[in-house]
N, C-alpha and C. Protein backbone atom coordinates (compact mmCIF):
# COMPACT_ATOMS: atom_id res chain seq x y z
N MET A 1 -5.70 21.04 -1.56
CA MET A 1 -6.04 19.72 -2.02
C MET A 1 -6.13 18.79 -0.81
N ASN A 2 -7.20 18.06 -0.69
CA ASN A 2 -7.40 17.14 0.42
C ASN A 2 -7.07 15.73 -0.05
N LEU A 3 -5.89 15.22 0.34
CA LEU A 3 -5.46 13.90 -0.09
C LEU A 3 -5.91 12.84 0.90
N MET A 4 -6.15 11.63 0.38
CA MET A 4 -6.54 10.51 1.22
C MET A 4 -5.37 10.09 2.11
N GLY A 5 -5.68 9.32 3.11
CA GLY A 5 -4.65 8.82 4.01
C GLY A 5 -3.90 7.65 3.41
N MET A 6 -2.73 7.40 3.97
CA MET A 6 -1.92 6.26 3.54
C MET A 6 -2.41 5.02 4.27
N ARG A 7 -2.43 3.89 3.55
CA ARG A 7 -2.93 2.65 4.13
C ARG A 7 -2.18 1.47 3.54
N PHE A 8 -1.85 0.50 4.40
CA PHE A 8 -1.27 -0.76 3.95
C PHE A 8 -2.02 -1.86 4.68
N ARG A 9 -2.60 -2.78 3.91
CA ARG A 9 -3.45 -3.84 4.45
C ARG A 9 -4.51 -3.21 5.34
N ASP A 10 -4.52 -3.58 6.63
CA ASP A 10 -5.55 -3.06 7.54
C ASP A 10 -5.02 -1.94 8.43
N PHE A 11 -3.81 -1.44 8.15
CA PHE A 11 -3.25 -0.35 8.95
C PHE A 11 -3.40 0.96 8.19
N THR A 12 -4.06 1.92 8.81
CA THR A 12 -4.20 3.26 8.24
C THR A 12 -3.38 4.21 9.08
N TRP A 13 -2.50 4.96 8.45
CA TRP A 13 -1.68 5.92 9.17
C TRP A 13 -2.58 7.00 9.75
N PRO A 14 -2.43 7.32 11.03
CA PRO A 14 -3.25 8.38 11.62
C PRO A 14 -2.96 9.75 11.00
N HIS A 15 -1.70 9.94 10.58
CA HIS A 15 -1.27 11.16 9.88
C HIS A 15 -0.34 10.70 8.76
N ASN A 16 -0.50 11.28 7.59
CA ASN A 16 0.37 10.90 6.49
C ASN A 16 1.83 11.17 6.86
N PRO A 17 2.75 10.36 6.33
CA PRO A 17 4.17 10.57 6.62
C PRO A 17 4.62 11.99 6.24
N THR A 18 5.66 12.46 6.92
CA THR A 18 6.19 13.80 6.63
C THR A 18 7.03 13.81 5.36
N ALA A 19 7.57 12.67 4.98
CA ALA A 19 8.35 12.55 3.75
C ALA A 19 7.94 11.26 3.05
N LEU A 20 7.74 11.34 1.75
CA LEU A 20 7.32 10.18 0.97
C LEU A 20 7.96 10.26 -0.41
N THR A 21 8.65 9.19 -0.81
CA THR A 21 9.28 9.14 -2.12
C THR A 21 8.76 7.92 -2.86
N LEU A 22 8.28 8.14 -4.08
CA LEU A 22 7.83 7.06 -4.97
C LEU A 22 8.77 7.09 -6.17
N ALA A 23 9.60 6.05 -6.29
CA ALA A 23 10.59 6.00 -7.37
C ALA A 23 10.10 5.10 -8.49
N LEU A 24 10.05 5.67 -9.70
CA LEU A 24 9.70 4.93 -10.91
C LEU A 24 10.96 4.82 -11.75
N GLU A 25 11.27 3.62 -12.21
CA GLU A 25 12.46 3.40 -13.04
C GLU A 25 12.13 2.42 -14.15
N ARG A 26 12.99 2.41 -15.16
CA ARG A 26 12.88 1.45 -16.25
C ARG A 26 14.12 0.58 -16.25
N ASN A 27 13.95 -0.68 -16.58
CA ASN A 27 15.09 -1.58 -16.75
C ASN A 27 15.64 -1.37 -18.15
N VAL A 28 16.89 -0.92 -18.20
CA VAL A 28 17.53 -0.61 -19.47
C VAL A 28 18.84 -1.39 -19.54
N LYS A 29 19.11 -1.99 -20.69
CA LYS A 29 20.34 -2.75 -20.88
C LYS A 29 21.08 -2.20 -22.08
N GLU A 30 22.36 -1.93 -21.87
CA GLU A 30 23.20 -1.47 -22.97
C GLU A 30 24.08 -2.62 -23.43
N THR A 31 24.06 -2.90 -24.73
CA THR A 31 24.84 -3.98 -25.31
C THR A 31 25.88 -3.37 -26.26
N ALA A 32 27.15 -3.72 -26.06
CA ALA A 32 28.21 -3.24 -26.94
C ALA A 32 28.13 -3.97 -28.27
N LEU A 33 28.23 -3.22 -29.36
CA LEU A 33 28.21 -3.79 -30.71
C LEU A 33 29.61 -3.59 -31.33
N PRO A 34 30.21 -4.66 -31.84
CA PRO A 34 31.56 -4.53 -32.42
C PRO A 34 31.56 -3.51 -33.57
N TYR A 35 32.45 -2.55 -33.47
CA TYR A 35 32.67 -1.54 -34.50
C TYR A 35 31.47 -0.62 -34.72
N ARG A 36 30.46 -0.68 -33.88
CA ARG A 36 29.26 0.13 -34.11
C ARG A 36 28.79 0.86 -32.86
N GLY A 37 29.56 0.87 -31.78
CA GLY A 37 29.13 1.54 -30.57
C GLY A 37 28.32 0.61 -29.68
N SER A 38 27.09 1.00 -29.39
CA SER A 38 26.26 0.17 -28.51
C SER A 38 24.79 0.33 -28.87
N ARG A 39 24.02 -0.58 -28.34
CA ARG A 39 22.56 -0.55 -28.53
C ARG A 39 21.92 -0.54 -27.15
N LEU A 40 20.90 0.28 -26.98
CA LEU A 40 20.19 0.39 -25.72
C LEU A 40 18.84 -0.30 -25.85
N GLU A 41 18.55 -1.21 -24.91
CA GLU A 41 17.27 -1.92 -24.93
C GLU A 41 16.44 -1.52 -23.71
N ASP A 42 15.19 -1.22 -23.95
CA ASP A 42 14.25 -0.92 -22.87
C ASP A 42 13.55 -2.23 -22.51
N LEU A 43 13.84 -2.76 -21.31
CA LEU A 43 13.28 -4.04 -20.89
C LEU A 43 12.01 -3.89 -20.07
N GLY A 44 11.47 -2.69 -20.02
CA GLY A 44 10.21 -2.46 -19.32
C GLY A 44 10.37 -1.80 -17.97
N GLU A 45 9.25 -1.57 -17.38
CA GLU A 45 9.20 -0.87 -16.11
C GLU A 45 9.72 -1.73 -14.96
N ALA A 46 10.51 -1.13 -14.08
CA ALA A 46 11.00 -1.81 -12.88
C ALA A 46 9.94 -1.70 -11.79
N LYS A 47 10.10 -2.47 -10.75
CA LYS A 47 9.18 -2.40 -9.62
C LYS A 47 9.32 -1.05 -8.93
N ARG A 48 8.18 -0.48 -8.57
CA ARG A 48 8.19 0.81 -7.87
C ARG A 48 8.78 0.63 -6.47
N ARG A 49 9.48 1.63 -6.01
CA ARG A 49 10.09 1.63 -4.68
C ARG A 49 9.57 2.84 -3.92
N ILE A 50 9.07 2.62 -2.71
CA ILE A 50 8.48 3.67 -1.91
C ILE A 50 9.24 3.74 -0.58
N THR A 51 9.67 4.92 -0.21
CA THR A 51 10.31 5.13 1.09
C THR A 51 9.69 6.35 1.74
N GLY A 52 9.80 6.41 3.05
CA GLY A 52 9.26 7.57 3.74
C GLY A 52 9.63 7.61 5.20
N GLU A 53 9.28 8.71 5.82
CA GLU A 53 9.48 8.93 7.25
C GLU A 53 8.25 9.60 7.81
N GLY A 54 8.05 9.39 9.10
CA GLY A 54 6.93 10.05 9.75
C GLY A 54 7.06 9.99 11.25
N TYR A 55 6.02 10.47 11.90
CA TYR A 55 5.97 10.52 13.37
C TYR A 55 4.63 9.99 13.84
N PHE A 56 4.66 9.22 14.91
CA PHE A 56 3.45 8.91 15.65
C PHE A 56 3.49 9.83 16.87
N THR A 57 2.39 10.48 17.15
CA THR A 57 2.35 11.42 18.26
C THR A 57 1.15 11.14 19.16
N GLY A 58 1.22 11.66 20.34
CA GLY A 58 0.10 11.54 21.27
C GLY A 58 0.29 10.40 22.25
N GLU A 59 -0.67 10.26 23.14
CA GLU A 59 -0.61 9.25 24.20
C GLU A 59 -0.57 7.83 23.65
N ASP A 60 -1.17 7.61 22.47
CA ASP A 60 -1.22 6.25 21.92
C ASP A 60 -0.14 6.00 20.86
N CYS A 61 0.92 6.83 20.82
CA CYS A 61 1.95 6.66 19.79
C CYS A 61 2.64 5.30 19.90
N GLY A 62 2.84 4.80 21.12
CA GLY A 62 3.45 3.48 21.29
C GLY A 62 2.59 2.38 20.71
N GLU A 63 1.29 2.47 20.89
CA GLU A 63 0.37 1.47 20.34
C GLU A 63 0.36 1.54 18.81
N GLN A 64 0.38 2.75 18.24
CA GLN A 64 0.44 2.90 16.78
C GLN A 64 1.69 2.23 16.23
N TRP A 65 2.84 2.43 16.90
CA TRP A 65 4.11 1.81 16.49
C TRP A 65 4.01 0.29 16.55
N ARG A 66 3.43 -0.24 17.63
CA ARG A 66 3.29 -1.70 17.77
C ARG A 66 2.38 -2.28 16.67
N GLN A 67 1.31 -1.58 16.34
CA GLN A 67 0.42 -2.04 15.27
C GLN A 67 1.14 -2.08 13.92
N LEU A 68 1.95 -1.06 13.64
CA LEU A 68 2.69 -1.04 12.38
C LEU A 68 3.74 -2.15 12.36
N GLN A 69 4.39 -2.42 13.49
CA GLN A 69 5.35 -3.53 13.57
C GLN A 69 4.66 -4.87 13.29
N ALA A 70 3.45 -5.04 13.82
CA ALA A 70 2.70 -6.28 13.61
C ALA A 70 2.39 -6.48 12.12
N VAL A 71 2.04 -5.41 11.43
CA VAL A 71 1.78 -5.49 9.99
C VAL A 71 3.06 -5.88 9.26
N PHE A 72 4.19 -5.28 9.65
CA PHE A 72 5.48 -5.60 9.03
C PHE A 72 5.84 -7.06 9.24
N ARG A 73 5.66 -7.56 10.46
CA ARG A 73 6.05 -8.95 10.79
C ARG A 73 5.22 -9.98 10.04
N ARG A 74 3.99 -9.63 9.67
CA ARG A 74 3.15 -10.56 8.91
C ARG A 74 3.78 -10.93 7.58
N GLY A 75 4.53 -10.00 6.97
CA GLY A 75 5.20 -10.26 5.70
C GLY A 75 4.24 -10.45 4.54
N GLY A 76 4.82 -10.62 3.37
CA GLY A 76 4.03 -10.88 2.17
C GLY A 76 3.42 -9.61 1.59
N PRO A 77 2.83 -9.74 0.40
CA PRO A 77 2.25 -8.58 -0.28
C PRO A 77 0.90 -8.18 0.31
N GLY A 78 0.58 -6.92 0.13
CA GLY A 78 -0.71 -6.38 0.53
C GLY A 78 -1.00 -5.14 -0.30
N SER A 79 -2.22 -4.67 -0.22
CA SER A 79 -2.61 -3.48 -0.97
C SER A 79 -2.05 -2.25 -0.28
N LEU A 80 -1.30 -1.44 -1.03
CA LEU A 80 -0.73 -0.20 -0.52
C LEU A 80 -1.44 0.96 -1.19
N GLN A 81 -1.99 1.85 -0.37
CA GLN A 81 -2.69 3.02 -0.88
C GLN A 81 -1.90 4.24 -0.42
N LEU A 82 -1.39 4.99 -1.40
CA LEU A 82 -0.62 6.20 -1.12
C LEU A 82 -1.48 7.41 -1.47
N PRO A 83 -1.25 8.53 -0.81
CA PRO A 83 -2.03 9.74 -1.14
C PRO A 83 -1.89 10.10 -2.61
N GLY A 84 -3.02 10.25 -3.28
CA GLY A 84 -3.03 10.67 -4.68
C GLY A 84 -2.66 9.61 -5.69
N GLN A 85 -2.51 8.33 -5.28
CA GLN A 85 -2.12 7.25 -6.18
C GLN A 85 -3.18 6.14 -6.16
N GLU A 86 -3.25 5.37 -7.24
CA GLU A 86 -4.10 4.19 -7.25
C GLU A 86 -3.44 3.11 -6.40
N PRO A 87 -4.21 2.35 -5.63
CA PRO A 87 -3.62 1.27 -4.82
C PRO A 87 -2.92 0.23 -5.69
N PHE A 88 -1.87 -0.38 -5.15
CA PHE A 88 -1.16 -1.45 -5.83
C PHE A 88 -0.58 -2.40 -4.80
N LEU A 89 -0.24 -3.61 -5.26
CA LEU A 89 0.32 -4.62 -4.36
C LEU A 89 1.78 -4.30 -4.08
N ALA A 90 2.15 -4.38 -2.79
CA ALA A 90 3.53 -4.09 -2.39
C ALA A 90 3.89 -4.95 -1.20
N VAL A 91 5.19 -5.04 -0.94
CA VAL A 91 5.72 -5.74 0.23
C VAL A 91 6.42 -4.69 1.08
N MET A 92 6.10 -4.65 2.38
CA MET A 92 6.80 -3.75 3.29
C MET A 92 8.13 -4.42 3.62
N ASP A 93 9.24 -3.84 3.12
CA ASP A 93 10.52 -4.50 3.28
C ASP A 93 11.43 -3.86 4.31
N SER A 94 11.03 -2.73 4.88
CA SER A 94 11.84 -2.14 5.96
C SER A 94 10.96 -1.30 6.87
N LEU A 95 11.32 -1.30 8.13
CA LEU A 95 10.66 -0.47 9.14
C LEU A 95 11.71 -0.17 10.20
N LYS A 96 11.95 1.11 10.44
CA LYS A 96 13.01 1.50 11.37
C LYS A 96 12.50 2.53 12.37
N LEU A 97 12.94 2.36 13.61
CA LEU A 97 12.72 3.35 14.65
C LEU A 97 13.92 4.28 14.59
N LEU A 98 13.70 5.58 14.40
CA LEU A 98 14.79 6.53 14.24
C LEU A 98 15.00 7.28 15.56
N GLY A 99 16.12 7.04 16.18
CA GLY A 99 16.40 7.69 17.47
C GLY A 99 15.64 7.03 18.59
N ALA A 100 15.81 7.56 19.78
CA ALA A 100 15.11 7.03 20.95
C ALA A 100 13.69 7.56 20.98
N PRO A 101 12.73 6.69 21.30
CA PRO A 101 11.35 7.19 21.38
C PRO A 101 11.24 8.22 22.50
N GLY A 102 10.56 9.30 22.21
CA GLY A 102 10.35 10.34 23.21
C GLY A 102 8.97 10.21 23.83
N GLU A 103 8.70 11.09 24.74
CA GLU A 103 7.38 11.08 25.38
C GLU A 103 6.36 11.57 24.36
N GLU A 104 5.43 10.70 24.03
CA GLU A 104 4.35 10.98 23.08
C GLU A 104 4.87 11.34 21.68
N LEU A 105 6.06 10.77 21.31
CA LEU A 105 6.60 11.01 19.98
C LEU A 105 7.49 9.84 19.55
N ILE A 106 7.17 9.26 18.39
CA ILE A 106 7.99 8.19 17.82
C ILE A 106 8.27 8.56 16.37
N HIS A 107 9.56 8.62 16.03
CA HIS A 107 10.01 8.94 14.67
C HIS A 107 10.40 7.62 14.00
N TYR A 108 9.89 7.37 12.81
CA TYR A 108 10.12 6.09 12.14
C TYR A 108 10.34 6.32 10.65
N SER A 109 10.87 5.27 9.99
CA SER A 109 10.97 5.27 8.53
C SER A 109 10.50 3.90 8.03
N PHE A 110 10.16 3.84 6.75
CA PHE A 110 9.65 2.60 6.17
C PHE A 110 10.06 2.51 4.71
N GLY A 111 9.94 1.30 4.16
CA GLY A 111 10.19 1.08 2.74
C GLY A 111 9.26 0.01 2.21
N PHE A 112 8.82 0.19 0.97
CA PHE A 112 7.97 -0.78 0.27
C PHE A 112 8.57 -1.03 -1.10
N THR A 113 8.37 -2.23 -1.61
CA THR A 113 8.71 -2.56 -2.99
C THR A 113 7.46 -3.14 -3.63
N GLU A 114 7.17 -2.68 -4.83
CA GLU A 114 6.01 -3.19 -5.56
C GLU A 114 6.13 -4.69 -5.72
N HIS A 115 5.03 -5.39 -5.54
CA HIS A 115 5.05 -6.85 -5.63
C HIS A 115 5.21 -7.33 -7.05
N ARG A 116 4.49 -6.74 -7.99
CA ARG A 116 4.59 -7.12 -9.40
C ARG A 116 4.74 -5.87 -10.24
N ALA A 117 5.85 -5.73 -10.93
CA ALA A 117 6.06 -4.57 -11.80
C ALA A 117 5.08 -4.60 -12.96
N GLY A 118 4.59 -3.43 -13.32
CA GLY A 118 3.70 -3.33 -14.48
C GLY A 118 2.26 -3.65 -14.17
N GLU A 119 1.93 -4.05 -12.95
CA GLU A 119 0.54 -4.30 -12.57
C GLU A 119 0.20 -3.39 -11.42
N ASP A 120 -0.99 -2.81 -11.43
CA ASP A 120 -1.37 -1.93 -10.35
C ASP A 120 -1.98 -2.68 -9.17
N GLY A 121 -2.28 -3.96 -9.35
CA GLY A 121 -2.86 -4.75 -8.27
C GLY A 121 -4.34 -4.49 -8.10
N ARG A 122 -4.78 -3.32 -8.44
CA ARG A 122 -6.17 -2.91 -8.34
C ARG A 122 -6.85 -3.42 -7.10
N GLY A 123 -6.11 -3.53 -6.01
CA GLY A 123 -6.71 -3.87 -4.73
C GLY A 123 -7.01 -5.33 -4.50
N ARG A 124 -6.55 -6.24 -5.36
CA ARG A 124 -6.84 -7.65 -5.16
C ARG A 124 -6.47 -8.07 -3.76
N GLY A 125 -7.24 -9.00 -3.22
CA GLY A 125 -6.93 -9.51 -1.90
C GLY A 125 -8.02 -9.19 -0.91
N VAL A 126 -7.67 -9.29 0.37
CA VAL A 126 -8.64 -9.08 1.44
C VAL A 126 -8.42 -7.70 2.05
N HIS A 127 -9.49 -6.95 2.18
CA HIS A 127 -9.45 -5.61 2.77
C HIS A 127 -10.31 -5.61 4.03
N THR A 128 -10.01 -4.72 4.94
CA THR A 128 -10.79 -4.56 6.16
C THR A 128 -11.65 -3.32 6.02
N ALA A 129 -12.97 -3.50 6.06
CA ALA A 129 -13.90 -2.40 5.85
C ALA A 129 -13.88 -1.44 7.04
N GLN A 130 -14.15 -0.19 6.72
CA GLN A 130 -14.32 0.82 7.75
C GLN A 130 -15.81 1.12 7.85
N ALA A 131 -16.24 1.61 8.99
CA ALA A 131 -17.65 1.91 9.21
C ALA A 131 -18.16 2.85 8.12
N GLY A 132 -19.35 2.56 7.60
CA GLY A 132 -19.97 3.42 6.61
C GLY A 132 -19.67 3.03 5.17
N GLU A 133 -18.76 2.09 4.94
CA GLU A 133 -18.47 1.67 3.58
C GLU A 133 -19.50 0.66 3.11
N SER A 134 -19.57 0.49 1.78
CA SER A 134 -20.47 -0.50 1.20
C SER A 134 -19.68 -1.32 0.17
N LEU A 135 -20.28 -2.42 -0.25
CA LEU A 135 -19.64 -3.24 -1.28
C LEU A 135 -19.56 -2.46 -2.59
N TRP A 136 -20.50 -1.55 -2.82
CA TRP A 136 -20.47 -0.71 -4.03
C TRP A 136 -19.22 0.18 -4.03
N ASP A 137 -18.84 0.67 -2.83
CA ASP A 137 -17.62 1.49 -2.74
C ASP A 137 -16.41 0.71 -3.25
N TYR A 138 -16.29 -0.55 -2.84
CA TYR A 138 -15.15 -1.38 -3.25
C TYR A 138 -15.23 -1.71 -4.74
N ALA A 139 -16.42 -1.98 -5.25
CA ALA A 139 -16.58 -2.28 -6.68
C ALA A 139 -16.14 -1.08 -7.52
N ARG A 140 -16.55 0.12 -7.12
CA ARG A 140 -16.19 1.32 -7.87
C ARG A 140 -14.68 1.61 -7.73
N ARG A 141 -14.16 1.51 -6.51
CA ARG A 141 -12.75 1.83 -6.24
C ARG A 141 -11.81 0.92 -7.03
N TYR A 142 -12.15 -0.39 -7.14
CA TYR A 142 -11.26 -1.35 -7.78
C TYR A 142 -11.75 -1.82 -9.14
N GLU A 143 -12.71 -1.07 -9.71
CA GLU A 143 -13.21 -1.31 -11.05
C GLU A 143 -13.68 -2.75 -11.25
N ARG A 144 -14.52 -3.20 -10.35
CA ARG A 144 -15.12 -4.53 -10.42
C ARG A 144 -16.63 -4.37 -10.58
N THR A 145 -17.28 -5.39 -11.10
CA THR A 145 -18.74 -5.38 -11.18
C THR A 145 -19.30 -5.84 -9.84
N MET A 146 -20.53 -5.47 -9.58
CA MET A 146 -21.17 -5.91 -8.34
C MET A 146 -21.32 -7.43 -8.33
N GLU A 147 -21.52 -8.03 -9.50
CA GLU A 147 -21.64 -9.49 -9.57
C GLU A 147 -20.33 -10.15 -9.11
N GLU A 148 -19.18 -9.60 -9.55
CA GLU A 148 -17.89 -10.14 -9.11
C GLU A 148 -17.72 -10.00 -7.61
N MET A 149 -18.10 -8.82 -7.09
CA MET A 149 -17.92 -8.56 -5.66
C MET A 149 -18.83 -9.45 -4.81
N ILE A 150 -20.06 -9.62 -5.23
CA ILE A 150 -21.00 -10.45 -4.48
C ILE A 150 -20.55 -11.91 -4.50
N ALA A 151 -20.08 -12.38 -5.67
CA ALA A 151 -19.61 -13.77 -5.78
C ALA A 151 -18.40 -14.01 -4.89
N ALA A 152 -17.52 -13.01 -4.75
CA ALA A 152 -16.31 -13.16 -3.94
C ALA A 152 -16.57 -12.98 -2.45
N ASN A 153 -17.76 -12.47 -2.11
CA ASN A 153 -18.07 -12.16 -0.71
C ASN A 153 -19.41 -12.73 -0.25
N PRO A 154 -19.59 -14.05 -0.36
CA PRO A 154 -20.88 -14.62 0.04
C PRO A 154 -21.14 -14.48 1.54
N HIS A 155 -20.12 -14.22 2.33
CA HIS A 155 -20.26 -14.07 3.77
C HIS A 155 -20.84 -12.73 4.19
N ILE A 156 -20.92 -11.76 3.26
CA ILE A 156 -21.44 -10.43 3.60
C ILE A 156 -22.95 -10.45 3.47
N ARG A 157 -23.62 -10.11 4.57
CA ARG A 157 -25.09 -10.15 4.60
C ARG A 157 -25.71 -8.89 4.02
N ASP A 158 -25.15 -7.72 4.33
CA ASP A 158 -25.72 -6.46 3.88
C ASP A 158 -24.69 -5.73 3.03
N ILE A 159 -24.88 -5.76 1.71
CA ILE A 159 -23.88 -5.17 0.81
C ILE A 159 -23.92 -3.64 0.85
N ALA A 160 -24.97 -3.07 1.40
CA ALA A 160 -25.12 -1.62 1.44
C ALA A 160 -24.42 -0.99 2.65
N VAL A 161 -24.28 -1.74 3.74
CA VAL A 161 -23.66 -1.21 4.95
C VAL A 161 -22.73 -2.28 5.52
N LEU A 162 -21.42 -2.04 5.41
CA LEU A 162 -20.44 -2.97 5.95
C LEU A 162 -20.10 -2.56 7.38
N GLY A 163 -19.89 -3.55 8.20
CA GLY A 163 -19.48 -3.27 9.58
C GLY A 163 -18.00 -2.97 9.65
N ALA A 164 -17.60 -2.13 10.60
CA ALA A 164 -16.17 -1.83 10.79
C ALA A 164 -15.44 -3.13 11.09
N GLY A 165 -14.37 -3.39 10.35
CA GLY A 165 -13.57 -4.60 10.55
C GLY A 165 -14.02 -5.78 9.72
N GLU A 166 -15.14 -5.66 8.99
CA GLU A 166 -15.62 -6.76 8.16
C GLU A 166 -14.65 -6.98 6.99
N GLU A 167 -14.38 -8.25 6.67
CA GLU A 167 -13.46 -8.56 5.57
C GLU A 167 -14.17 -8.50 4.23
N VAL A 168 -13.52 -7.80 3.28
CA VAL A 168 -14.04 -7.68 1.93
C VAL A 168 -12.99 -8.26 0.98
N ARG A 169 -13.38 -9.25 0.20
CA ARG A 169 -12.47 -9.86 -0.77
C ARG A 169 -12.67 -9.20 -2.13
N VAL A 170 -11.55 -8.76 -2.72
CA VAL A 170 -11.59 -8.15 -4.05
C VAL A 170 -10.90 -9.14 -4.99
N PRO A 171 -11.65 -9.69 -5.95
CA PRO A 171 -11.07 -10.70 -6.86
C PRO A 171 -10.07 -10.09 -7.84
């Protein structure tokens, strides 16, 4: 199975993390009832929690680490795309360097929390296009009409061929 790469905002992992955990939970409340035991209430889905570890390798591993730190420092929610999952809004809430960086090797861990429980985010927000993408790709990926995409992106001159780094707004 060929899975897509992991991506958060405009940072794409050069290699998927070596460990990835996606935790799904429900908010449940137990209420004691006098003389009758208790009642369990399902209060709905909790925010998803994502943790993982990975390695940056090669001559540019230090630059990859610095780029990921810059994304973390920006704060706030962004579109998180995990291998085999639909993108959703999340906040990167932890980033750790594990051990001393070695020559051409950096071991790190990260954590994300879903921004809004029960919503997939469907990619809302600003995305950075990669070479060869089109506005149709974004409309199909995030289940939007071309009319919605064109209205949200009046700055895009050629909807068929986006330039690398061009900003695409998904309403």
